[in-house]
Amino acid sequence: MKKTGIPSLDLGDFLKGDNKLKQQFVAKLGEAYAEIGFVSIKNHGISEKTIDDLYDKIKEFFALPINTKQKYELAETGGQRGYTSFGKEHAKDSSEGDLKEFWHFGQEVHNNEYPQNVYVSEIPDFLETGLNAYREFEMAGRNILKAIAIYLDLDENYFEEYVIGGNSILRPIHYPPIKDTNTNAVRAGAHEDINLITLLVGASAEGLQVLSHQGEWIDVTAIEGHIIVNVGDMLQRLTNGVLRSTTHRVVNPEGSKASTSRYSVPFFLHPISTMPLNSIESCVKDHKLFEDITAGDYLTERLKEIGLM
C-alpha cells in the first residue's frame, strides 16, 4: 500500500480517547497544518456505505449525455449548485480550463442567501444520496475544527456558530479520459482552496500532488479508510498564516492511465458569509499578513478569479 506522503492521524483519538490521546491528536494536527497543511485521517465518521453509494450515483450522472447534463448547468448560481461543464473552471493564475466537470450539492438551509439544490429527474435518488453524504462530511469537518480551535487556544466550540448552516459545498468531480496527451491543460491546475478546511474522500486514481516547503511536489495517495483533510485560504487568513493553505494540483496520468476516468469528492467546508476572517490576535506576532474581510466577500472575490462568477 502506498504511503500518502503526509501525516496520518486517528480522529477516534480526539473523539473517544482519554485526555492524553486527545491532546496528542490536537498537537499532531496543528503541527501538520503548520508544516504542510495536509493530513490523512481515519475513523472520520463518514460511513463506507455512504461513500460507495455516492460514487455509484456520481458515476451514473457523469455517464449521462452531455446535453442532458447541461440541463442542470445554472449560470445564475455562479456554479454553486448543479452541474459545471468540462473545462470551465481554471486555477486563479491560469487561463487554461481544468480537464474536469463537476457537480455541487449545497447547504439545505431554506433562506434567500443560498441557491436551492438541484433535482436530477434521470436519477431520482441522486439528490438524496448527495445530501446524506453532505451531512456526514459536515459533521466530520466540525469535529476536526474543534481540534483546530483547541490548538489555537480558542474555545473548542469556537467555529460552531460560524459553520452550522454555513455555505459548505460537496463537489463530486469527474476527470474524463484525456484525448489529447499533448495538451498544456491539466486535470486541476496548481491552486489553494478557498474555504476553512477541505475533506477529500477516496479519489479513484493517482494524481494529487502537494507542494512542500522545499518546493517539491509530493504525491498524495488515498489510503483505504482514510480521508485527506487540508487547510484552506480562509483558515490561513484567520490564523495569520500560522496554519498553511498549501498549493496542490491534480496532474495528468501517463501512458494507458490517460485513457481512464478519475473521480474524487472534496467537501469544501465554508462558514456563514458574515464570519469575519480577521486574524486571531494570538496568531499576530509582528504584523497582520492579510486585510480584514468577511467570508462572503472573500468567496465572491475568489469565485471571480477562477471563472465561476
C-alpha atoms as a PDB file:
ATOM      1  CA  MET A   1       0.000   0.000   0.000  1.00  0.00           C
ATOM      2  CA  LYS A   2       1.391   3.422  -0.936  1.00  0.00           C
ATOM      3  CA  LYS A   3       2.123   5.987   1.718  1.00  0.00           C
ATOM      4  CA  THR A   4       0.349   9.308   1.463  1.00  0.00           C
ATOM      5  CA  GLY A   5       3.433  11.488   1.827  1.00  0.00           C
ATOM      6  CA  ILE A   6       1.544  13.379   4.572  1.00  0.00           C
ATOM      7  CA  PRO A   7       0.940  12.638   8.294  1.00  0.00           C
ATOM      8  CA  SER A   8      -1.743  10.083   9.184  1.00  0.00           C
ATOM      9  CA  LEU A   9      -3.951  10.637  12.254  1.00  0.00           C
ATOM     10  CA  ASP A  10      -6.831   8.886  14.016  1.00  0.00           C
ATOM     11  CA  LEU A  11      -9.818  11.153  14.731  1.00  0.00           C
ATOM     12  CA  GLY A  12     -11.015   8.498  17.194  1.00  0.00           C
ATOM     13  CA  ASP A  13      -8.186   9.606  19.492  1.00  0.00           C
ATOM     14  CA  PHE A  14      -9.803  13.045  19.661  1.00  0.00           C
ATOM     15  CA  LEU A  15     -13.420  11.954  19.893  1.00  0.00           C
ATOM     16  CA  LYS A  16     -13.206   8.834  22.078  1.00  0.00           C
ATOM     17  CA  GLY A  17      -9.719   8.738  23.555  1.00  0.00           C
ATOM     18  CA  ASP A  18      -8.646   9.822  27.013  1.00  0.00           C
ATOM     19  CA  ASN A  19      -7.425  13.371  27.575  1.00  0.00           C
ATOM     20  CA  LYS A  20      -3.811  12.451  26.788  1.00  0.00           C
ATOM     21  CA  LEU A  21      -4.747  10.952  23.400  1.00  0.00           C
ATOM     22  CA  LYS A  22      -6.973  13.951  22.673  1.00  0.00           C
ATOM     23  CA  GLN A  23      -4.169  16.403  23.375  1.00  0.00           C
ATOM     24  CA  GLN A  24      -1.732  14.344  21.287  1.00  0.00           C
ATOM     25  CA  PHE A  25      -4.146  14.437  18.353  1.00  0.00           C
ATOM     26  CA  VAL A  26      -4.523  18.218  18.667  1.00  0.00           C
ATOM     27  CA  ALA A  27      -0.750  18.738  18.783  1.00  0.00           C
ATOM     28  CA  LYS A  28      -0.041  16.461  15.811  1.00  0.00           C
ATOM     29  CA  LEU A  29      -2.847  18.017  13.753  1.00  0.00           C
ATOM     30  CA  GLY A  30      -1.646  21.536  14.464  1.00  0.00           C
ATOM     31  CA  GLU A  31       1.973  20.668  13.702  1.00  0.00           C
ATOM     32  CA  ALA A  32       0.998  19.054  10.392  1.00  0.00           C
ATOM     33  CA  TYR A  33      -1.127  22.023   9.385  1.00  0.00           C
ATOM     34  CA  ALA A  34       1.649  24.459  10.292  1.00  0.00           C
ATOM     35  CA  GLU A  35       4.198  22.425   8.312  1.00  0.00           C
ATOM     36  CA  ILE A  36       2.436  21.120   5.181  1.00  0.00           C
ATOM     37  CA  GLY A  37      -1.278  21.906   5.542  1.00  0.00           C
ATOM     38  CA  PHE A  38      -2.451  18.343   4.782  1.00  0.00           C
ATOM     39  CA  VAL A  39      -3.229  15.246   6.876  1.00  0.00           C
ATOM     40  CA  SER A  40      -4.750  11.818   6.264  1.00  0.00           C
ATOM     41  CA  ILE A  41      -7.421  10.883   8.828  1.00  0.00           C
ATOM     42  CA  LYS A  42      -9.089   7.576   9.731  1.00  0.00           C
ATOM     43  CA  ASN A  43     -12.150   6.942  11.920  1.00  0.00           C
ATOM     44  CA  HIS A  44     -13.608  10.136  10.497  1.00  0.00           C
ATOM     45  CA  GLY A  45     -17.265   9.093  10.799  1.00  0.00           C
ATOM     46  CA  ILE A  46     -18.165   9.021   7.089  1.00  0.00           C
ATOM     47  CA  SER A  47     -19.507   5.516   6.524  1.00  0.00           C
ATOM     48  CA  GLU A  48     -18.204   3.221   3.815  1.00  0.00           C
ATOM     49  CA  LYS A  49     -21.767   2.703   2.581  1.00  0.00           C
ATOM     50  CA  THR A  50     -22.279   6.450   2.238  1.00  0.00           C
ATOM     51  CA  ILE A  51     -19.102   6.750   0.182  1.00  0.00           C
ATOM     52  CA  ASP A  52     -19.930   3.747  -2.025  1.00  0.00           C
ATOM     53  CA  ASP A  53     -23.497   4.952  -2.651  1.00  0.00           C
ATOM     54  CA  LEU A  54     -22.250   8.419  -3.557  1.00  0.00           C
ATOM     55  CA  TYR A  55     -19.643   7.118  -6.003  1.00  0.00           C
ATOM     56  CA  ASP A  56     -22.230   4.882  -7.675  1.00  0.00           C
ATOM     57  CA  LYS A  57     -24.566   7.821  -8.225  1.00  0.00           C
ATOM     58  CA  ILE A  58     -21.972  10.301  -9.438  1.00  0.00           C
ATOM     59  CA  LYS A  59     -20.609   7.811 -11.972  1.00  0.00           C
ATOM     60  CA  GLU A  60     -24.176   7.305 -13.183  1.00  0.00           C
ATOM     61  CA  PHE A  61     -24.669  11.063 -13.527  1.00  0.00           C
ATOM     62  CA  PHE A  62     -21.414  11.822 -15.327  1.00  0.00           C
ATOM     63  CA  ALA A  63     -22.143   8.995 -17.788  1.00  0.00           C
ATOM     64  CA  LEU A  64     -25.270  10.840 -18.982  1.00  0.00           C
ATOM     65  CA  PRO A  65     -25.167  12.529 -22.428  1.00  0.00           C
ATOM     66  CA  ILE A  66     -23.617  15.989 -22.335  1.00  0.00           C
ATOM     67  CA  ASN A  67     -26.843  17.698 -23.468  1.00  0.00           C
ATOM     68  CA  THR A  68     -28.654  16.035 -20.543  1.00  0.00           C
ATOM     69  CA  LYS A  69     -26.057  17.185 -18.030  1.00  0.00           C
ATOM     70  CA  GLN A  70     -26.118  20.718 -19.401  1.00  0.00           C
ATOM     71  CA  LYS A  71     -29.797  20.994 -18.458  1.00  0.00           C
ATOM     72  CA  TYR A  72     -28.509  21.241 -14.898  1.00  0.00           C
ATOM     73  CA  GLU A  73     -25.880  23.936 -15.524  1.00  0.00           C
ATOM     74  CA  LEU A  74     -27.366  27.040 -13.939  1.00  0.00           C
ATOM     75  CA  ALA A  75     -25.472  30.257 -14.675  1.00  0.00           C
ATOM     76  CA  GLU A  76     -27.485  32.234 -12.132  1.00  0.00           C
ATOM     77  CA  THR A  77     -25.992  30.278  -9.197  1.00  0.00           C
ATOM     78  CA  GLY A  78     -22.390  31.174 -10.067  1.00  0.00           C
ATOM     79  CA  GLY A  79     -21.664  27.470 -10.260  1.00  0.00           C
ATOM     80  CA  GLN A  80     -22.644  26.980  -6.611  1.00  0.00           C
ATOM     81  CA  ARG A  81     -25.334  24.379  -7.345  1.00  0.00           C
ATOM     82  CA  GLY A  82     -25.824  21.768 -10.009  1.00  0.00           C
ATOM     83  CA  TYR A  83     -23.511  20.982 -12.909  1.00  0.00           C
ATOM     84  CA  THR A  84     -20.380  22.762 -14.169  1.00  0.00           C
ATOM     85  CA  SER A  85     -19.229  21.615 -17.583  1.00  0.00           C
ATOM     86  CA  PHE A  86     -15.827  20.398 -18.698  1.00  0.00           C
ATOM     87  CA  GLY A  87     -13.035  22.986 -18.828  1.00  0.00           C
ATOM     88  CA  LYS A  88     -14.999  25.876 -17.334  1.00  0.00           C
ATOM     89  CA  GLU A  89     -13.087  26.288 -14.056  1.00  0.00           C
ATOM     90  CA  HIS A  90      -9.419  27.265 -14.019  1.00  0.00           C
ATOM     91  CA  ALA A  91      -6.768  27.983 -11.396  1.00  0.00           C
ATOM     92  CA  LYS A  92      -6.704  31.667 -10.372  1.00  0.00           C
ATOM     93  CA  ASP A  93      -3.407  32.396 -12.132  1.00  0.00           C
ATOM     94  CA  SER A  94      -4.181  30.390 -15.269  1.00  0.00           C
ATOM     95  CA  SER A  95      -6.343  30.911 -18.334  1.00  0.00           C
ATOM     96  CA  GLU A  96      -6.314  27.176 -19.219  1.00  0.00           C
ATOM     97  CA  GLY A  97      -9.502  25.391 -18.186  1.00  0.00           C
ATOM     98  CA  ASP A  98      -9.057  22.359 -15.938  1.00  0.00           C
ATOM     99  CA  LEU A  99      -9.748  18.959 -17.520  1.00  0.00           C
ATOM    100  CA  LYS A 100     -12.752  18.201 -15.331  1.00  0.00           C
ATOM    101  CA  GLU A 101     -16.504  18.502 -14.900  1.00  0.00           C
ATOM    102  CA  PHE A 102     -18.260  18.566 -11.542  1.00  0.00           C
ATOM    103  CA  TRP A 103     -21.470  18.842  -9.540  1.00  0.00           C
ATOM    104  CA  HIS A 104     -22.290  20.873  -6.439  1.00  0.00           C
ATOM    105  CA  PHE A 105     -24.503  19.853  -3.536  1.00  0.00           C
ATOM    106  CA  GLY A 106     -25.003  22.655  -1.013  1.00  0.00           C
ATOM    107  CA  GLN A 107     -26.499  23.538   2.315  1.00  0.00           C
ATOM    108  CA  GLU A 108     -30.184  22.711   2.737  1.00  0.00           C
ATOM    109  CA  VAL A 109     -30.993  25.917   4.598  1.00  0.00           C
ATOM    110  CA  HIS A 110     -34.154  27.407   3.205  1.00  0.00           C
ATOM    111  CA  ASN A 111     -33.424  31.112   3.073  1.00  0.00           C
ATOM    112  CA  ASN A 112     -32.726  33.641   0.362  1.00  0.00           C
ATOM    113  CA  GLU A 113     -28.948  33.503   0.756  1.00  0.00           C
ATOM    114  CA  TYR A 114     -28.210  30.062  -0.713  1.00  0.00           C
ATOM    115  CA  PRO A 115     -29.418  28.657  -4.045  1.00  0.00           C
ATOM    116  CA  GLN A 116     -31.631  25.593  -3.912  1.00  0.00           C
ATOM    117  CA  ASN A 117     -30.151  22.173  -4.575  1.00  0.00           C
ATOM    118  CA  VAL A 118     -30.913  20.677  -7.980  1.00  0.00           C
ATOM    119  CA  TYR A 119     -33.052  17.588  -8.545  1.00  0.00           C
ATOM    120  CA  VAL A 120     -31.954  15.268 -11.370  1.00  0.00           C
ATOM    121  CA  SER A 121     -35.013  13.669 -12.944  1.00  0.00           C
ATOM    122  CA  GLU A 122     -32.975  10.951 -14.701  1.00  0.00           C
ATOM    123  CA  ILE A 123     -31.603   9.709 -11.326  1.00  0.00           C
ATOM    124  CA  PRO A 124     -34.355  10.302  -8.738  1.00  0.00           C
ATOM    125  CA  ASP A 125     -32.253   9.337  -5.684  1.00  0.00           C
ATOM    126  CA  PHE A 126     -29.185  11.325  -6.789  1.00  0.00           C
ATOM    127  CA  LEU A 127     -30.012  14.375  -4.654  1.00  0.00           C
ATOM    128  CA  GLU A 128     -30.967  12.325  -1.598  1.00  0.00           C
ATOM    129  CA  THR A 129     -27.698  10.361  -1.796  1.00  0.00           C
ATOM    130  CA  GLY A 130     -25.660  13.547  -2.123  1.00  0.00           C
ATOM    131  CA  LEU A 131     -27.345  15.289   0.795  1.00  0.00           C
ATOM    132  CA  ASN A 132     -26.889  12.256   3.030  1.00  0.00           C
ATOM    133  CA  ALA A 133     -23.151  12.343   2.262  1.00  0.00           C
ATOM    134  CA  TYR A 134     -23.122  16.110   2.767  1.00  0.00           C
ATOM    135  CA  ARG A 135     -24.372  15.755   6.342  1.00  0.00           C
ATOM    136  CA  GLU A 136     -21.743  13.146   7.238  1.00  0.00           C
ATOM    137  CA  PHE A 137     -18.936  15.213   5.720  1.00  0.00           C
ATOM    138  CA  GLU A 138     -20.167  18.285   7.557  1.00  0.00           C
ATOM    139  CA  MET A 139     -20.128  16.525  10.937  1.00  0.00           C
ATOM    140  CA  ALA A 140     -16.607  15.177  10.337  1.00  0.00           C
ATOM    141  CA  GLY A 141     -15.441  18.672   9.422  1.00  0.00           C
ATOM    142  CA  ARG A 142     -16.992  20.198  12.536  1.00  0.00           C
ATOM    143  CA  ASN A 143     -15.147  17.687  14.712  1.00  0.00           C
ATOM    144  CA  ILE A 144     -11.823  18.489  13.056  1.00  0.00           C
ATOM    145  CA  LEU A 145     -12.442  22.222  13.512  1.00  0.00           C
ATOM    146  CA  LYS A 146     -12.931  21.597  17.244  1.00  0.00           C
ATOM    147  CA  ALA A 147      -9.421  20.146  17.405  1.00  0.00           C
ATOM    148  CA  ILE A 148      -8.079  23.095  15.409  1.00  0.00           C
ATOM    149  CA  ALA A 149      -9.765  25.524  17.809  1.00  0.00           C
ATOM    150  CA  ILE A 150      -8.064  23.890  20.799  1.00  0.00           C
ATOM    151  CA  TYR A 151      -4.694  24.053  19.022  1.00  0.00           C
ATOM    152  CA  LEU A 152      -5.238  27.800  18.531  1.00  0.00           C
ATOM    153  CA  ASP A 153      -6.071  28.240  22.256  1.00  0.00           C
ATOM    154  CA  LEU A 154      -9.685  29.037  21.420  1.00  0.00           C
ATOM    155  CA  ASP A 155     -12.808  27.532  22.913  1.00  0.00           C
ATOM    156  CA  GLU A 156     -13.400  24.065  21.449  1.00  0.00           C
ATOM    157  CA  ASN A 157     -16.723  25.246  20.003  1.00  0.00           C
ATOM    158  CA  TYR A 158     -15.343  28.489  18.549  1.00  0.00           C
ATOM    159  CA  PHE A 159     -16.203  27.577  14.961  1.00  0.00           C
ATOM    160  CA  GLU A 160     -19.647  26.108  15.648  1.00  0.00           C
ATOM    161  CA  GLU A 161     -21.642  29.342  15.385  1.00  0.00           C
ATOM    162  CA  TYR A 162     -19.991  30.047  12.037  1.00  0.00           C
ATOM    163  CA  VAL A 163     -20.164  26.647  10.336  1.00  0.00           C
ATOM    164  CA  ILE A 164     -23.593  25.373  11.399  1.00  0.00           C
ATOM    165  CA  GLY A 165     -25.718  26.423   8.435  1.00  0.00           C
ATOM    166  CA  GLY A 166     -22.581  27.593   6.639  1.00  0.00           C
ATOM    167  CA  ASN A 167     -22.071  27.774   2.886  1.00  0.00           C
ATOM    168  CA  SER A 168     -20.253  24.422   2.545  1.00  0.00           C
ATOM    169  CA  ILE A 169     -20.114  22.620  -0.809  1.00  0.00           C
ATOM    170  CA  LEU A 170     -19.858  18.915  -1.662  1.00  0.00           C
ATOM    171  CA  ARG A 171     -18.233  18.609  -5.100  1.00  0.00           C
ATOM    172  CA  PRO A 172     -18.160  15.263  -6.930  1.00  0.00           C
ATOM    173  CA  ILE A 173     -15.599  15.631  -9.746  1.00  0.00           C
ATOM    174  CA  HIS A 174     -15.119  13.644 -12.942  1.00  0.00           C
ATOM    175  CA  TYR A 175     -11.825  13.871 -14.815  1.00  0.00           C
ATOM    176  CA  PRO A 176     -12.596  12.229 -18.183  1.00  0.00           C
ATOM    177  CA  PRO A 177     -10.080  10.241 -20.217  1.00  0.00           C
ATOM    178  CA  ILE A 178      -7.513  12.570 -21.769  1.00  0.00           C
ATOM    179  CA  LYS A 179      -7.912  12.632 -25.545  1.00  0.00           C
ATOM    180  CA  ASP A 180      -5.036  14.981 -26.345  1.00  0.00           C
ATOM    181  CA  THR A 181      -1.973  13.886 -24.384  1.00  0.00           C
ATOM    182  CA  ASN A 182      -0.005  16.847 -25.771  1.00  0.00           C
ATOM    183  CA  THR A 183      -2.304  19.403 -24.135  1.00  0.00           C
ATOM    184  CA  ASN A 184      -0.882  22.055 -21.805  1.00  0.00           C
ATOM    185  CA  ALA A 185      -4.006  21.826 -19.651  1.00  0.00           C
ATOM    186  CA  VAL A 186      -4.040  19.618 -16.548  1.00  0.00           C
ATOM    187  CA  ARG A 187      -6.782  17.913 -14.583  1.00  0.00           C
ATOM    188  CA  ALA A 188      -6.543  20.574 -11.878  1.00  0.00           C
ATOM    189  CA  GLY A 189      -4.028  23.413 -12.051  1.00  0.00           C
ATOM    190  CA  ALA A 190      -1.903  24.370  -9.064  1.00  0.00           C
ATOM    191  CA  HIS A 191      -4.147  26.156  -6.580  1.00  0.00           C
ATOM    192  CA  GLU A 192      -5.092  26.679  -2.963  1.00  0.00           C
ATOM    193  CA  ASP A 193      -8.604  26.030  -1.645  1.00  0.00           C
ATOM    194  CA  ILE A 194     -10.805  28.984  -0.729  1.00  0.00           C
ATOM    195  CA  ASN A 195     -12.580  27.646   2.376  1.00  0.00           C
ATOM    196  CA  LEU A 196     -11.716  26.819   6.012  1.00  0.00           C
ATOM    197  CA  ILE A 197     -10.856  23.131   5.519  1.00  0.00           C
ATOM    198  CA  THR A 198     -11.380  20.609   2.718  1.00  0.00           C
ATOM    199  CA  LEU A 199     -12.254  16.949   3.273  1.00  0.00           C
ATOM    200  CA  LEU A 200     -11.404  14.677   0.353  1.00  0.00           C
ATOM    201  CA  VAL A 201     -12.608  11.101   0.198  1.00  0.00           C
ATOM    202  CA  GLY A 202     -11.448   8.207  -1.937  1.00  0.00           C
ATOM    203  CA  ALA A 203     -10.007   9.539  -5.186  1.00  0.00           C
ATOM    204  CA  SER A 204     -10.315   6.672  -7.675  1.00  0.00           C
ATOM    205  CA  ALA A 205      -6.824   7.147  -9.149  1.00  0.00           C
ATOM    206  CA  GLU A 206      -3.464   8.753  -8.501  1.00  0.00           C
ATOM    207  CA  GLY A 207      -2.694  12.336  -9.439  1.00  0.00           C
ATOM    208  CA  LEU A 208      -2.982  14.566  -6.355  1.00  0.00           C
ATOM    209  CA  GLN A 209       0.259  16.355  -5.502  1.00  0.00           C
ATOM    210  CA  VAL A 210       1.109  18.795  -2.702  1.00  0.00           C
ATOM    211  CA  LEU A 211       3.863  21.438  -2.853  1.00  0.00           C
ATOM    212  CA  SER A 212       6.302  21.177   0.079  1.00  0.00           C
ATOM    213  CA  HIS A 213       8.208  23.980   1.849  1.00  0.00           C
ATOM    214  CA  GLN A 214      11.218  22.931  -0.206  1.00  0.00           C
ATOM    215  CA  GLY A 215       9.357  23.479  -3.478  1.00  0.00           C
ATOM    216  CA  GLU A 216       8.996  19.760  -4.211  1.00  0.00           C
ATOM    217  CA  TRP A 217       5.771  18.126  -5.409  1.00  0.00           C
ATOM    218  CA  ILE A 218       4.745  15.276  -3.077  1.00  0.00           C
ATOM    219  CA  ASP A 219       2.433  12.510  -4.330  1.00  0.00           C
ATOM    220  CA  VAL A 220      -0.597  12.056  -2.074  1.00  0.00           C
ATOM    221  CA  THR A 221      -2.416   8.748  -2.488  1.00  0.00           C
ATOM    222  CA  ALA A 222      -5.605   7.937  -0.614  1.00  0.00           C
ATOM    223  CA  ILE A 223      -5.285   5.132   1.959  1.00  0.00           C
ATOM    224  CA  GLU A 224      -8.257   2.821   2.377  1.00  0.00           C
ATOM    225  CA  GLY A 225     -10.496   4.005   5.207  1.00  0.00           C
ATOM    226  CA  HIS A 226      -8.887   7.459   5.351  1.00  0.00           C
ATOM    227  CA  ILE A 227      -9.890  10.892   4.128  1.00  0.00           C
ATOM    228  CA  ILE A 228      -7.477  13.695   3.304  1.00  0.00           C
ATOM    229  CA  VAL A 229      -8.116  16.987   5.116  1.00  0.00           C
ATOM    230  CA  ASN A 230      -6.312  20.215   4.233  1.00  0.00           C
ATOM    231  CA  VAL A 231      -6.270  23.845   5.292  1.00  0.00           C
ATOM    232  CA  GLY A 232      -7.969  26.413   3.042  1.00  0.00           C
ATOM    233  CA  ASP A 233      -7.224  30.093   2.500  1.00  0.00           C
ATOM    234  CA  MET A 234      -9.937  31.250   4.909  1.00  0.00           C
ATOM    235  CA  LEU A 235      -8.323  29.388   7.807  1.00  0.00           C
ATOM    236  CA  GLN A 236      -4.881  30.617   6.740  1.00  0.00           C
ATOM    237  CA  ARG A 237      -6.163  34.202   6.844  1.00  0.00           C
ATOM    238  CA  LEU A 238      -7.841  33.642  10.205  1.00  0.00           C
ATOM    239  CA  THR A 239      -4.576  32.313  11.688  1.00  0.00           C
ATOM    240  CA  ASN A 240      -2.366  34.944  10.025  1.00  0.00           C
ATOM    241  CA  GLY A 241      -0.517  32.208   8.174  1.00  0.00           C
ATOM    242  CA  VAL A 242       0.181  30.030  11.223  1.00  0.00           C
ATOM    243  CA  LEU A 243      -1.794  27.225   9.553  1.00  0.00           C
ATOM    244  CA  ARG A 244      -0.842  26.769   5.892  1.00  0.00           C
ATOM    245  CA  SER A 245      -3.096  26.672   2.872  1.00  0.00           C
ATOM    246  CA  THR A 246      -0.807  24.623   0.661  1.00  0.00           C
ATOM    247  CA  THR A 247      -0.627  24.705  -3.123  1.00  0.00           C
ATOM    248  CA  HIS A 248      -1.780  21.436  -4.692  1.00  0.00           C
ATOM    249  CA  ARG A 249      -2.733  20.100  -8.114  1.00  0.00           C
ATOM    250  CA  VAL A 250      -4.002  17.036  -9.968  1.00  0.00           C
ATOM    251  CA  VAL A 251      -1.559  16.046 -12.707  1.00  0.00           C
ATOM    252  CA  ASN A 252      -2.336  14.171 -15.902  1.00  0.00           C
ATOM    253  CA  PRO A 253      -1.578  10.433 -15.849  1.00  0.00           C
ATOM    254  CA  GLU A 254       0.896   8.889 -18.230  1.00  0.00           C
ATOM    255  CA  GLY A 255       0.600   6.008 -20.665  1.00  0.00           C
ATOM    256  CA  SER A 256      -2.509   3.837 -20.649  1.00  0.00           C
ATOM    257  CA  LYS A 257      -3.805   5.516 -17.474  1.00  0.00           C
ATOM    258  CA  ALA A 258      -4.576   8.637 -19.521  1.00  0.00           C
ATOM    259  CA  SER A 259      -7.427   6.742 -21.191  1.00  0.00           C
ATOM    260  CA  THR A 260      -9.257   6.156 -17.902  1.00  0.00           C
ATOM    261  CA  SER A 261     -11.561   8.385 -15.886  1.00  0.00           C
ATOM    262  CA  ARG A 262     -10.683   9.706 -12.424  1.00  0.00           C
ATOM    263  CA  TYR A 263     -13.298  10.578  -9.792  1.00  0.00           C
ATOM    264  CA  SER A 264     -12.924  12.375  -6.481  1.00  0.00           C
ATOM    265  CA  VAL A 265     -15.228  14.016  -3.946  1.00  0.00           C
ATOM    266  CA  PRO A 266     -13.984  17.006  -1.935  1.00  0.00           C
ATOM    267  CA  PHE A 267     -16.145  18.712   0.696  1.00  0.00           C
ATOM    268  CA  PHE A 268     -15.313  22.405   0.978  1.00  0.00           C
ATOM    269  CA  LEU A 269     -16.263  23.484   4.494  1.00  0.00           C
ATOM    270  CA  HIS A 270     -17.321  27.123   4.396  1.00  0.00           C
ATOM    271  CA  PRO A 271     -18.640  29.305   7.213  1.00  0.00           C
ATOM    272  CA  ILE A 272     -21.631  31.619   7.052  1.00  0.00           C
ATOM    273  CA  SER A 273     -20.962  34.662   4.879  1.00  0.00           C
ATOM    274  CA  THR A 274     -20.845  37.116   7.803  1.00  0.00           C
ATOM    275  CA  MET A 275     -17.947  35.373   9.569  1.00  0.00           C
ATOM    276  CA  PRO A 276     -15.041  37.825   9.906  1.00  0.00           C
ATOM    277  CA  LEU A 277     -11.755  36.404   8.651  1.00  0.00           C
ATOM    278  CA  ASN A 278      -9.777  38.951  10.681  1.00  0.00           C
ATOM    279  CA  SER A 279      -6.571  37.424  12.032  1.00  0.00           C
ATOM    280  CA  ILE A 280      -6.866  35.945  15.534  1.00  0.00           C
ATOM    281  CA  GLU A 281      -4.876  38.136  17.927  1.00  0.00           C
ATOM    282  CA  SER A 282      -2.878  35.236  19.357  1.00  0.00           C
ATOM    283  CA  CYS A 283      -1.595  34.468  15.832  1.00  0.00           C
ATOM    284  CA  VAL A 284      -0.297  38.006  15.182  1.00  0.00           C
ATOM    285  CA  LYS A 285       3.280  38.351  16.443  1.00  0.00           C
ATOM    286  CA  ASP A 286       4.666  41.259  14.428  1.00  0.00           C
ATOM    287  CA  HIS A 287       2.093  42.310  11.852  1.00  0.00           C
ATOM    288  CA  LYS A 288      -1.022  41.123  10.054  1.00  0.00           C
ATOM    289  CA  LEU A 289      -0.411  39.436   6.705  1.00  0.00           C
ATOM    290  CA  PHE A 290      -3.962  39.876   5.400  1.00  0.00           C
ATOM    291  CA  GLU A 291      -6.547  42.626   5.268  1.00  0.00           C
ATOM    292  CA  ASP A 292      -9.792  42.174   7.191  1.00  0.00           C
ATOM    293  CA  ILE A 293     -12.641  40.743   5.127  1.00  0.00           C
ATOM    294  CA  THR A 294     -15.789  38.668   5.643  1.00  0.00           C
ATOM    295  CA  ALA A 295     -16.071  35.101   4.393  1.00  0.00           C
ATOM    296  CA  GLY A 296     -18.834  36.061   1.957  1.00  0.00           C
ATOM    297  CA  ASP A 297     -16.881  38.899   0.338  1.00  0.00           C
ATOM    298  CA  TYR A 298     -13.768  36.753   0.122  1.00  0.00           C
ATOM    299  CA  LEU A 299     -15.673  33.899  -1.520  1.00  0.00           C
ATOM    300  CA  THR A 300     -17.130  36.230  -4.157  1.00  0.00           C
ATOM    301  CA  GLU A 301     -13.680  37.649  -4.882  1.00  0.00           C
ATOM    302  CA  ARG A 302     -12.190  34.201  -5.386  1.00  0.00           C
ATOM    303  CA  LEU A 303     -15.055  32.772  -7.469  1.00  0.00           C
ATOM    304  CA  LYS A 304     -14.467  35.596  -9.936  1.00  0.00           C
ATOM    305  CA  GLU A 305     -10.765  34.759 -10.075  1.00  0.00           C
ATOM    306  CA  ILE A 306     -11.389  31.121 -11.027  1.00  0.00           C
ATOM    307  CA  GLY A 307     -14.035  31.826 -13.660  1.00  0.00           C
ATOM    308  CA  LEU A 308     -17.211  30.698 -11.889  1.00  0.00           C
ATOM    309  CA  MET A 309     -18.661  34.209 -11.422  1.00  0.00           C
END
